[in-house]
Amino acid sequence: MTAYWIAHVTVLDPVKYKDYTDIAPLAFRKFGAIFLARGGASKVLEGKSFERHVVIQFSDMQTALDCYNSPEYQSAKLKRDGHCIAQVSIVEGLEA
C-alpha cells in the first residue's frame, strides 16, 4: 500500500535552506520517491499557514520511514534545521 510524506514548510533563511534542497534529492531518489506536489500555489483554508506544501509518494509506509531515517536524508535534514519551520507526516494511502 502506498504511503505519502506530507510536509508543510516555511523557509526562514533561503540561502541556508538551499543547502538542504541541494542534497535531499539523493535520499528521495534512493527510495523511489515520486513528488506529487512541491511548492506551487496553495490556499490554506484551516489551520496554521505555511508557505510551502509538499506531497511525496512512496511504495509503502516502511519505504517512506526508511527514507526519512536514512543517513542521506538525516544529513540533509541537519542542513535545514534552524533555517525553516517544518511539519512532516507520513500517511498510508488507500487500497486500490
PDB file of N, CA and C in Angstrom:
ATOM      1  N   MET A   1       0.844  -1.177   0.000  1.00  0.00           N
ATOM      2  CA  MET A   1       0.000   0.000   0.000  1.00  0.00           C
ATOM      3  C   MET A   1       0.892   1.244   0.000  1.00  0.00           C
ATOM      4  N   THR A   2       0.606   2.184  -0.881  1.00  0.00           N
ATOM      5  CA  THR A   2       1.428   3.392  -0.966  1.00  0.00           C
ATOM      6  C   THR A   2       1.384   4.168   0.349  1.00  0.00           C
ATOM      7  N   ALA A   3       2.367   5.041   0.498  1.00  0.00           N
ATOM      8  CA  ALA A   3       2.426   5.953   1.636  1.00  0.00           C
ATOM      9  C   ALA A   3       2.899   7.297   1.117  1.00  0.00           C
ATOM     10  N   TYR A   4       2.550   8.335   1.852  1.00  0.00           N
ATOM     11  CA  TYR A   4       2.854   9.696   1.418  1.00  0.00           C
ATOM     12  C   TYR A   4       3.483  10.503   2.539  1.00  0.00           C
ATOM     13  N   TRP A   5       4.564  11.225   2.198  1.00  0.00           N
ATOM     14  CA  TRP A   5       5.054  12.269   3.088  1.00  0.00           C
ATOM     15  C   TRP A   5       4.195  13.474   2.777  1.00  0.00           C
ATOM     16  N   ILE A   6       3.712  14.129   3.803  1.00  0.00           N
ATOM     17  CA  ILE A   6       3.027  15.402   3.640  1.00  0.00           C
ATOM     18  C   ILE A   6       3.800  16.393   4.503  1.00  0.00           C
ATOM     19  N   ALA A   7       4.399  17.353   3.843  1.00  0.00           N
ATOM     20  CA  ALA A   7       5.252  18.314   4.551  1.00  0.00           C
ATOM     21  C   ALA A   7       4.736  19.729   4.325  1.00  0.00           C
ATOM     22  N   HIS A   8       4.779  20.511   5.378  1.00  0.00           N
ATOM     23  CA  HIS A   8       4.426  21.926   5.331  1.00  0.00           C
ATOM     24  C   HIS A   8       5.646  22.668   5.857  1.00  0.00           C
ATOM     25  N   VAL A   9       6.104  23.643   5.095  1.00  0.00           N
ATOM     26  CA  VAL A   9       7.377  24.298   5.425  1.00  0.00           C
ATOM     27  C   VAL A   9       7.271  25.806   5.229  1.00  0.00           C
ATOM     28  N   THR A  10       7.836  26.541   6.163  1.00  0.00           N
ATOM     29  CA  THR A  10       8.076  27.964   5.989  1.00  0.00           C
ATOM     30  C   THR A  10       9.578  28.166   6.108  1.00  0.00           C
ATOM     31  N   VAL A  11      10.164  28.672   5.049  1.00  0.00           N
ATOM     32  CA  VAL A  11      11.616  28.875   4.997  1.00  0.00           C
ATOM     33  C   VAL A  11      11.952  30.186   5.704  1.00  0.00           C
ATOM     34  N   LEU A  12      12.904  30.125   6.632  1.00  0.00           N
ATOM     35  CA  LEU A  12      13.345  31.308   7.364  1.00  0.00           C
ATOM     36  C   LEU A  12      14.590  31.923   6.741  1.00  0.00           C
ATOM     37  N   ASP A  13      15.467  31.088   6.193  1.00  0.00           N
ATOM     38  CA  ASP A  13      16.707  31.542   5.571  1.00  0.00           C
ATOM     39  C   ASP A  13      16.885  30.792   4.249  1.00  0.00           C
ATOM     40  N   PRO A  14      16.478  31.409   3.128  1.00  0.00           N
ATOM     41  CA  PRO A  14      16.537  30.725   1.832  1.00  0.00           C
ATOM     42  C   PRO A  14      17.936  30.270   1.428  1.00  0.00           C
ATOM     43  N   VAL A  15      18.946  31.009   1.794  1.00  0.00           N
ATOM     44  CA  VAL A  15      20.314  30.635   1.429  1.00  0.00           C
ATOM     45  C   VAL A  15      20.716  29.346   2.147  1.00  0.00           C
ATOM     46  N   LYS A  16      20.476  29.266   3.430  1.00  0.00           N
ATOM     47  CA  LYS A  16      20.812  28.064   4.201  1.00  0.00           C
ATOM     48  C   LYS A  16      19.893  26.896   3.845  1.00  0.00           C
ATOM     49  N   TYR A  17      18.632  27.185   3.549  1.00  0.00           N
ATOM     50  CA  TYR A  17      17.687  26.129   3.187  1.00  0.00           C
ATOM     51  C   TYR A  17      18.106  25.452   1.884  1.00  0.00           C
ATOM     52  N   LYS A  18      18.753  26.197   0.996  1.00  0.00           N
ATOM     53  CA  LYS A  18      19.235  25.626  -0.266  1.00  0.00           C
ATOM     54  C   LYS A  18      20.258  24.523  -0.002  1.00  0.00           C
ATOM     55  N   ASP A  19      20.996  24.610   1.084  1.00  0.00           N
ATOM     56  CA  ASP A  19      21.925  23.530   1.441  1.00  0.00           C
ATOM     57  C   ASP A  19      21.161  22.209   1.600  1.00  0.00           C
ATOM     58  N   TYR A  20      19.940  22.282   2.134  1.00  0.00           N
ATOM     59  CA  TYR A  20      19.077  21.106   2.272  1.00  0.00           C
ATOM     60  C   TYR A  20      18.590  20.637   0.902  1.00  0.00           C
ATOM     61  N   THR A  21      18.051  21.560   0.115  1.00  0.00           N
ATOM     62  CA  THR A  21      17.470  21.165  -1.175  1.00  0.00           C
ATOM     63  C   THR A  21      18.524  20.686  -2.168  1.00  0.00           C
ATOM     64  N   ASP A  22      19.762  21.035  -1.937  1.00  0.00           N
ATOM     65  CA  ASP A  22      20.843  20.550  -2.818  1.00  0.00           C
ATOM     66  C   ASP A  22      21.141  19.068  -2.599  1.00  0.00           C
ATOM     67  N   ILE A  23      20.955  18.560  -1.355  1.00  0.00           N
ATOM     68  CA  ILE A  23      21.351  17.166  -1.099  1.00  0.00           C
ATOM     69  C   ILE A  23      20.205  16.225  -0.759  1.00  0.00           C
ATOM     70  N   ALA A  24      19.045  16.751  -0.378  1.00  0.00           N
ATOM     71  CA  ALA A  24      17.906  15.882  -0.044  1.00  0.00           C
ATOM     72  C   ALA A  24      17.482  14.979  -1.208  1.00  0.00           C
ATOM     73  N   PRO A  25      17.567  15.428  -2.464  1.00  0.00           N
ATOM     74  CA  PRO A  25      17.163  14.546  -3.570  1.00  0.00           C
ATOM     75  C   PRO A  25      17.917  13.216  -3.625  1.00  0.00           C
ATOM     76  N   LEU A  26      19.099  13.139  -3.054  1.00  0.00           N
ATOM     77  CA  LEU A  26      19.839  11.872  -3.023  1.00  0.00           C
ATOM     78  C   LEU A  26      19.029  10.798  -2.293  1.00  0.00           C
ATOM     79  N   ALA A  27      18.451  11.152  -1.173  1.00  0.00           N
ATOM     80  CA  ALA A  27      17.641  10.200  -0.406  1.00  0.00           C
ATOM     81  C   ALA A  27      16.360   9.866  -1.154  1.00  0.00           C
ATOM     82  N   PHE A  28      15.717  10.873  -1.712  1.00  0.00           N
ATOM     83  CA  PHE A  28      14.457  10.628  -2.408  1.00  0.00           C
ATOM     84  C   PHE A  28      14.653   9.693  -3.603  1.00  0.00           C
ATOM     85  N   ARG A  29      15.712   9.899  -4.359  1.00  0.00           N
ATOM     86  CA  ARG A  29      15.999   9.002  -5.491  1.00  0.00           C
ATOM     87  C   ARG A  29      16.263   7.584  -5.025  1.00  0.00           C
ATOM     88  N   LYS A  30      17.059   7.465  -3.953  1.00  0.00           N
ATOM     89  CA  LYS A  30      17.430   6.147  -3.437  1.00  0.00           C
ATOM     90  C   LYS A  30      16.195   5.326  -3.062  1.00  0.00           C
ATOM     91  N   PHE A  31      15.145   5.983  -2.565  1.00  0.00           N
ATOM     92  CA  PHE A  31      13.962   5.279  -2.082  1.00  0.00           C
ATOM     93  C   PHE A  31      12.770   5.365  -3.046  1.00  0.00           C
ATOM     94  N   GLY A  32      13.027   5.784  -4.277  1.00  0.00           N
ATOM     95  CA  GLY A  32      11.988   5.768  -5.309  1.00  0.00           C
ATOM     96  C   GLY A  32      10.854   6.745  -5.091  1.00  0.00           C
ATOM     97  N   ALA A  33      11.131   7.860  -4.453  1.00  0.00           N
ATOM     98  CA  ALA A  33      10.093   8.853  -4.167  1.00  0.00           C
ATOM     99  C   ALA A  33       9.575   9.490  -5.451  1.00  0.00           C
ATOM    100  N   ILE A  34       8.284   9.774  -5.459  1.00  0.00           N
ATOM    101  CA  ILE A  34       7.653  10.485  -6.567  1.00  0.00           C
ATOM    102  C   ILE A  34       7.000  11.738  -5.991  1.00  0.00           C
ATOM    103  N   PHE A  35       7.436  12.906  -6.447  1.00  0.00           N
ATOM    104  CA  PHE A  35       6.871  14.161  -5.966  1.00  0.00           C
ATOM    105  C   PHE A  35       5.540  14.417  -6.672  1.00  0.00           C
ATOM    106  N   LEU A  36       4.489  14.584  -5.891  1.00  0.00           N
ATOM    107  CA  LEU A  36       3.161  14.880  -6.417  1.00  0.00           C
ATOM    108  C   LEU A  36       2.835  16.362  -6.305  1.00  0.00           C
ATOM    109  N   ALA A  37       3.395  17.025  -5.310  1.00  0.00           N
ATOM    110  CA  ALA A  37       3.254  18.471  -5.136  1.00  0.00           C
ATOM    111  C   ALA A  37       4.510  18.969  -4.437  1.00  0.00           C
ATOM    112  N   ARG A  38       5.008  20.118  -4.910  1.00  0.00           N
ATOM    113  CA  ARG A  38       6.208  20.682  -4.279  1.00  0.00           C
ATOM    114  C   ARG A  38       6.157  22.190  -4.477  1.00  0.00           C
ATOM    115  N   GLY A  39       5.809  22.888  -3.399  1.00  0.00           N
ATOM    116  CA  GLY A  39       5.680  24.336  -3.520  1.00  0.00           C
ATOM    117  C   GLY A  39       4.449  24.655  -4.347  1.00  0.00           C
ATOM    118  N   GLY A  40       4.549  25.616  -5.195  1.00  0.00           N
ATOM    119  CA  GLY A  40       3.428  25.974  -6.060  1.00  0.00           C
ATOM    120  C   GLY A  40       2.342  26.725  -5.306  1.00  0.00           C
ATOM    121  N   ALA A  41       1.360  27.164  -6.048  1.00  0.00           N
ATOM    122  CA  ALA A  41       0.257  27.932  -5.464  1.00  0.00           C
ATOM    123  C   ALA A  41      -0.540  27.061  -4.500  1.00  0.00           C
ATOM    124  N   SER A  42      -0.954  27.663  -3.402  1.00  0.00           N
ATOM    125  CA  SER A  42      -1.772  26.947  -2.426  1.00  0.00           C
ATOM    126  C   SER A  42      -2.630  27.941  -1.655  1.00  0.00           C
ATOM    127  N   LYS A  43      -3.636  27.424  -1.016  1.00  0.00           N
ATOM    128  CA  LYS A  43      -4.517  28.245  -0.185  1.00  0.00           C
ATOM    129  C   LYS A  43      -4.837  27.445   1.062  1.00  0.00           C
ATOM    130  N   VAL A  44      -4.446  27.935   2.212  1.00  0.00           N
ATOM    131  CA  VAL A  44      -4.748  27.274   3.482  1.00  0.00           C
ATOM    132  C   VAL A  44      -6.148  27.700   3.907  1.00  0.00           C
ATOM    133  N   LEU A  45      -7.023  26.722   4.077  1.00  0.00           N
ATOM    134  CA  LEU A  45      -8.408  27.007   4.450  1.00  0.00           C
ATOM    135  C   LEU A  45      -8.652  26.858   5.941  1.00  0.00           C
ATOM    136  N   GLU A  46      -7.861  26.020   6.607  1.00  0.00           N
ATOM    137  CA  GLU A  46      -7.975  25.838   8.054  1.00  0.00           C
ATOM    138  C   GLU A  46      -6.587  25.569   8.607  1.00  0.00           C
ATOM    139  N   GLY A  47      -6.354  25.998   9.823  1.00  0.00           N
ATOM    140  CA  GLY A  47      -5.099  25.694  10.499  1.00  0.00           C
ATOM    141  C   GLY A  47      -3.994  26.678  10.178  1.00  0.00           C
ATOM    142  N   LYS A  48      -2.820  26.346  10.691  1.00  0.00           N
ATOM    143  CA  LYS A  48      -1.633  27.183  10.553  1.00  0.00           C
ATOM    144  C   LYS A  48      -1.208  27.284   9.095  1.00  0.00           C
ATOM    145  N   SER A  49      -0.792  28.453   8.705  1.00  0.00           N
ATOM    146  CA  SER A  49      -0.358  28.678   7.331  1.00  0.00           C
ATOM    147  C   SER A  49       1.151  28.468   7.201  1.00  0.00           C
ATOM    148  N   PHE A  50       1.541  27.729   6.190  1.00  0.00           N
ATOM    149  CA  PHE A  50       2.938  27.550   5.825  1.00  0.00           C
ATOM    150  C   PHE A  50       3.096  28.034   4.389  1.00  0.00           C
ATOM    151  N   GLU A  51       4.313  28.393   3.992  1.00  0.00           N
ATOM    152  CA  GLU A  51       4.475  28.904   2.630  1.00  0.00           C
ATOM    153  C   GLU A  51       4.641  27.812   1.580  1.00  0.00           C
ATOM    154  N   ARG A  52       5.109  26.631   1.979  1.00  0.00           N
ATOM    155  CA  ARG A  52       5.322  25.540   1.023  1.00  0.00           C
ATOM    156  C   ARG A  52       4.615  24.278   1.510  1.00  0.00           C
ATOM    157  N   HIS A  53       4.053  23.551   0.557  1.00  0.00           N
ATOM    158  CA  HIS A  53       3.389  22.283   0.860  1.00  0.00           C
ATOM    159  C   HIS A  53       3.945  21.253  -0.104  1.00  0.00           C
ATOM    160  N   VAL A  54       4.313  20.093   0.422  1.00  0.00           N
ATOM    161  CA  VAL A  54       4.962  19.062  -0.385  1.00  0.00           C
ATOM    162  C   VAL A  54       4.273  17.727  -0.123  1.00  0.00           C
ATOM    163  N   VAL A  55       3.986  16.995  -1.198  1.00  0.00           N
ATOM    164  CA  VAL A  55       3.416  15.650  -1.090  1.00  0.00           C
ATOM    165  C   VAL A  55       4.323  14.729  -1.904  1.00  0.00           C
ATOM    166  N   ILE A  56       4.836  13.688  -1.239  1.00  0.00           N
ATOM    167  CA  ILE A  56       5.768  12.752  -1.882  1.00  0.00           C
ATOM    168  C   ILE A  56       5.228  11.340  -1.713  1.00  0.00           C
ATOM    169  N   GLN A  57       5.145  10.617  -2.814  1.00  0.00           N
ATOM    170  CA  GLN A  57       4.625   9.249  -2.793  1.00  0.00           C
ATOM    171  C   GLN A  57       5.767   8.244  -2.683  1.00  0.00           C
ATOM    172  N   PHE A  58       5.546   7.233  -1.847  1.00  0.00           N
ATOM    173  CA  PHE A  58       6.471   6.107  -1.697  1.00  0.00           C
ATOM    174  C   PHE A  58       5.702   4.814  -1.929  1.00  0.00           C
ATOM    175  N   SER A  59       6.405   3.752  -2.192  1.00  0.00           N
ATOM    176  CA  SER A  59       5.758   2.475  -2.479  1.00  0.00           C
ATOM    177  C   SER A  59       4.993   1.922  -1.279  1.00  0.00           C
ATOM    178  N   ASP A  60       5.466   2.234  -0.065  1.00  0.00           N
ATOM    179  CA  ASP A  60       4.786   1.753   1.144  1.00  0.00           C
ATOM    180  C   ASP A  60       5.294   2.527   2.354  1.00  0.00           C
ATOM    181  N   MET A  61       4.642   2.304   3.482  1.00  0.00           N
ATOM    182  CA  MET A  61       4.982   3.016   4.720  1.00  0.00           C
ATOM    183  C   MET A  61       6.422   2.766   5.138  1.00  0.00           C
ATOM    184  N   GLN A  62       6.862   1.523   5.069  1.00  0.00           N
ATOM    185  CA  GLN A  62       8.224   1.209   5.512  1.00  0.00           C
ATOM    186  C   GLN A  62       9.266   1.933   4.664  1.00  0.00           C
ATOM    187  N   THR A  63       9.048   2.006   3.368  1.00  0.00           N
ATOM    188  CA  THR A  63       9.994   2.700   2.492  1.00  0.00           C
ATOM    189  C   THR A  63      10.027   4.191   2.821  1.00  0.00           C
ATOM    190  N   ALA A  64       8.866   4.772   3.089  1.00  0.00           N
ATOM    191  CA  ALA A  64       8.808   6.190   3.468  1.00  0.00           C
ATOM    192  C   ALA A  64       9.569   6.430   4.766  1.00  0.00           C
ATOM    193  N   LEU A  65       9.374   5.546   5.739  1.00  0.00           N
ATOM    194  CA  LEU A  65      10.096   5.663   7.013  1.00  0.00           C
ATOM    195  C   LEU A  65      11.593   5.429   6.831  1.00  0.00           C
ATOM    196  N   ASP A  66      11.941   4.450   6.004  1.00  0.00           N
ATOM    197  CA  ASP A  66      13.363   4.182   5.746  1.00  0.00           C
ATOM    198  C   ASP A  66      14.031   5.384   5.103  1.00  0.00           C
ATOM    199  N   CYS A  67      13.327   6.054   4.198  1.00  0.00           N
ATOM    200  CA  CYS A  67      13.884   7.251   3.568  1.00  0.00           C
ATOM    201  C   CYS A  67      14.127   8.330   4.616  1.00  0.00           C
ATOM    202  N   TYR A  68      13.117   8.596   5.435  1.00  0.00           N
ATOM    203  CA  TYR A  68      13.252   9.640   6.461  1.00  0.00           C
ATOM    204  C   TYR A  68      14.404   9.334   7.413  1.00  0.00           C
ATOM    205  N   ASN A  69      14.551   8.086   7.803  1.00  0.00           N
ATOM    206  CA  ASN A  69      15.571   7.700   8.776  1.00  0.00           C
ATOM    207  C   ASN A  69      16.932   7.402   8.161  1.00  0.00           C
ATOM    208  N   SER A  70      17.024   7.468   6.845  1.00  0.00           N
ATOM    209  CA  SER A  70      18.287   7.131   6.171  1.00  0.00           C
ATOM    210  C   SER A  70      19.375   8.154   6.493  1.00  0.00           C
ATOM    211  N   PRO A  71      20.626   7.716   6.451  1.00  0.00           N
ATOM    212  CA  PRO A  71      21.732   8.664   6.651  1.00  0.00           C
ATOM    213  C   PRO A  71      21.693   9.800   5.636  1.00  0.00           C
ATOM    214  N   GLU A  72      21.269   9.503   4.414  1.00  0.00           N
ATOM    215  CA  GLU A  72      21.226  10.537   3.376  1.00  0.00           C
ATOM    216  C   GLU A  72      20.228  11.632   3.737  1.00  0.00           C
ATOM    217  N   TYR A  73      19.024  11.227   4.175  1.00  0.00           N
ATOM    218  CA  TYR A  73      18.026  12.237   4.497  1.00  0.00           C
ATOM    219  C   TYR A  73      18.370  12.955   5.802  1.00  0.00           C
ATOM    220  N   GLN A  74      18.820  12.223   6.795  1.00  0.00           N
ATOM    221  CA  GLN A  74      19.159  12.858   8.073  1.00  0.00           C
ATOM    222  C   GLN A  74      20.287  13.875   7.908  1.00  0.00           C
ATOM    223  N   SER A  75      21.215  13.595   7.012  1.00  0.00           N
ATOM    224  CA  SER A  75      22.283  14.551   6.716  1.00  0.00           C
ATOM    225  C   SER A  75      21.700  15.821   6.092  1.00  0.00           C
ATOM    226  N   ALA A  76      20.754  15.643   5.169  1.00  0.00           N
ATOM    227  CA  ALA A  76      20.101  16.796   4.550  1.00  0.00           C
ATOM    228  C   ALA A  76      19.284  17.568   5.586  1.00  0.00           C
ATOM    229  N   LYS A  77      18.558  16.846   6.425  1.00  0.00           N
ATOM    230  CA  LYS A  77      17.718  17.468   7.451  1.00  0.00           C
ATOM    231  C   LYS A  77      18.547  18.362   8.379  1.00  0.00           C
ATOM    232  N   LEU A  78      19.726  17.914   8.722  1.00  0.00           N
ATOM    233  CA  LEU A  78      20.607  18.734   9.565  1.00  0.00           C
ATOM    234  C   LEU A  78      20.895  20.084   8.919  1.00  0.00           C
ATOM    235  N   LYS A  79      20.937  20.105   7.592  1.00  0.00           N
ATOM    236  CA  LYS A  79      21.212  21.348   6.862  1.00  0.00           C
ATOM    237  C   LYS A  79      20.038  22.325   6.945  1.00  0.00           C
ATOM    238  N   ARG A  80      18.816  21.805   7.096  1.00  0.00           N
ATOM    239  CA  ARG A  80      17.647  22.701   7.155  1.00  0.00           C
ATOM    240  C   ARG A  80      17.251  23.069   8.573  1.00  0.00           C
ATOM    241  N   ASP A  81      17.673  22.265   9.556  1.00  0.00           N
ATOM    242  CA  ASP A  81      17.304  22.535  10.947  1.00  0.00           C
ATOM    243  C   ASP A  81      17.702  23.948  11.343  1.00  0.00           C
ATOM    244  N   GLY A  82      16.758  24.693  11.880  1.00  0.00           N
ATOM    245  CA  GLY A  82      17.005  26.063  12.309  1.00  0.00           C
ATOM    246  C   GLY A  82      16.824  27.090  11.209  1.00  0.00           C
ATOM    247  N   HIS A  83      16.641  26.630   9.969  1.00  0.00           N
ATOM    248  CA  HIS A  83      16.507  27.552   8.837  1.00  0.00           C
ATOM    249  C   HIS A  83      15.113  27.499   8.223  1.00  0.00           C
ATOM    250  N   CYS A  84      14.238  26.717   8.857  1.00  0.00           N
ATOM    251  CA  CYS A  84      12.853  26.640   8.414  1.00  0.00           C
ATOM    252  C   CYS A  84      12.000  26.136   9.579  1.00  0.00           C
ATOM    253  N   ILE A  85      10.711  26.295   9.418  1.00  0.00           N
ATOM    254  CA  ILE A  85       9.746  25.679  10.320  1.00  0.00           C
ATOM    255  C   ILE A  85       9.077  24.601   9.481  1.00  0.00           C
ATOM    256  N   ALA A  86       9.122  23.362   9.951  1.00  0.00           N
ATOM    257  CA  ALA A  86       8.583  22.261   9.153  1.00  0.00           C
ATOM    258  C   ALA A  86       7.695  21.362   9.990  1.00  0.00           C
ATOM    259  N   GLN A  87       6.673  20.846   9.330  1.00  0.00           N
ATOM    260  CA  GLN A  87       5.817  19.809   9.895  1.00  0.00           C
ATOM    261  C   GLN A  87       5.790  18.699   8.848  1.00  0.00           C
ATOM    262  N   VAL A  88       6.232  17.508   9.219  1.00  0.00           N
ATOM    263  CA  VAL A  88       6.297  16.382   8.279  1.00  0.00           C
ATOM    264  C   VAL A  88       5.523  15.208   8.867  1.00  0.00           C
ATOM    265  N   SER A  89       4.609  14.677   8.076  1.00  0.00           N
ATOM    266  CA  SER A  89       3.839  13.497   8.467  1.00  0.00           C
ATOM    267  C   SER A  89       3.965  12.459   7.368  1.00  0.00           C
ATOM    268  N   ILE A  90       3.807  11.208   7.744  1.00  0.00           N
ATOM    269  CA  ILE A  90       3.728  10.126   6.754  1.00  0.00           C
ATOM    270  C   ILE A  90       2.376   9.472   6.957  1.00  0.00           C
ATOM    271  N   VAL A  91       1.648   9.323   5.868  1.00  0.00           N
ATOM    272  CA  VAL A  91       0.312   8.743   5.935  1.00  0.00           C
ATOM    273  C   VAL A  91       0.202   7.618   4.911  1.00  0.00           C
ATOM    274  N   GLU A  92      -0.420   6.532   5.339  1.00  0.00           N
ATOM    275  CA  GLU A  92      -0.623   5.399   4.452  1.00  0.00           C
ATOM    276  C   GLU A  92      -1.758   5.719   3.480  1.00  0.00           C
ATOM    277  N   GLY A  93      -1.568   5.305   2.221  1.00  0.00           N
ATOM    278  CA  GLY A  93      -2.596   5.529   1.205  1.00  0.00           C
ATOM    279  C   GLY A  93      -3.727   4.514   1.330  1.00  0.00           C
ATOM    280  N   LEU A  94      -4.706   4.682   0.479  1.00  0.00           N
ATOM    281  CA  LEU A  94      -5.858   3.782   0.447  1.00  0.00           C
ATOM    282  C   LEU A  94      -5.552   2.581  -0.446  1.00  0.00           C
ATOM    283  N   GLU A  95      -6.173   1.464  -0.150  1.00  0.00           N
ATOM    284  CA  GLU A  95      -6.040   0.308  -1.019  1.00  0.00           C
ATOM    285  C   GLU A  95      -6.765   0.575  -2.322  1.00  0.00           C
ATOM    286  N   ALA A  96      -6.210   0.063  -3.406  1.00  0.00           N
ATOM    287  CA  ALA A  96      -6.831   0.279  -4.725  1.00  0.00           C
ATOM    288  C   ALA A  96      -8.143  -0.459  -4.834  1.00  0.00           C
TER     289      ALA A  96
END
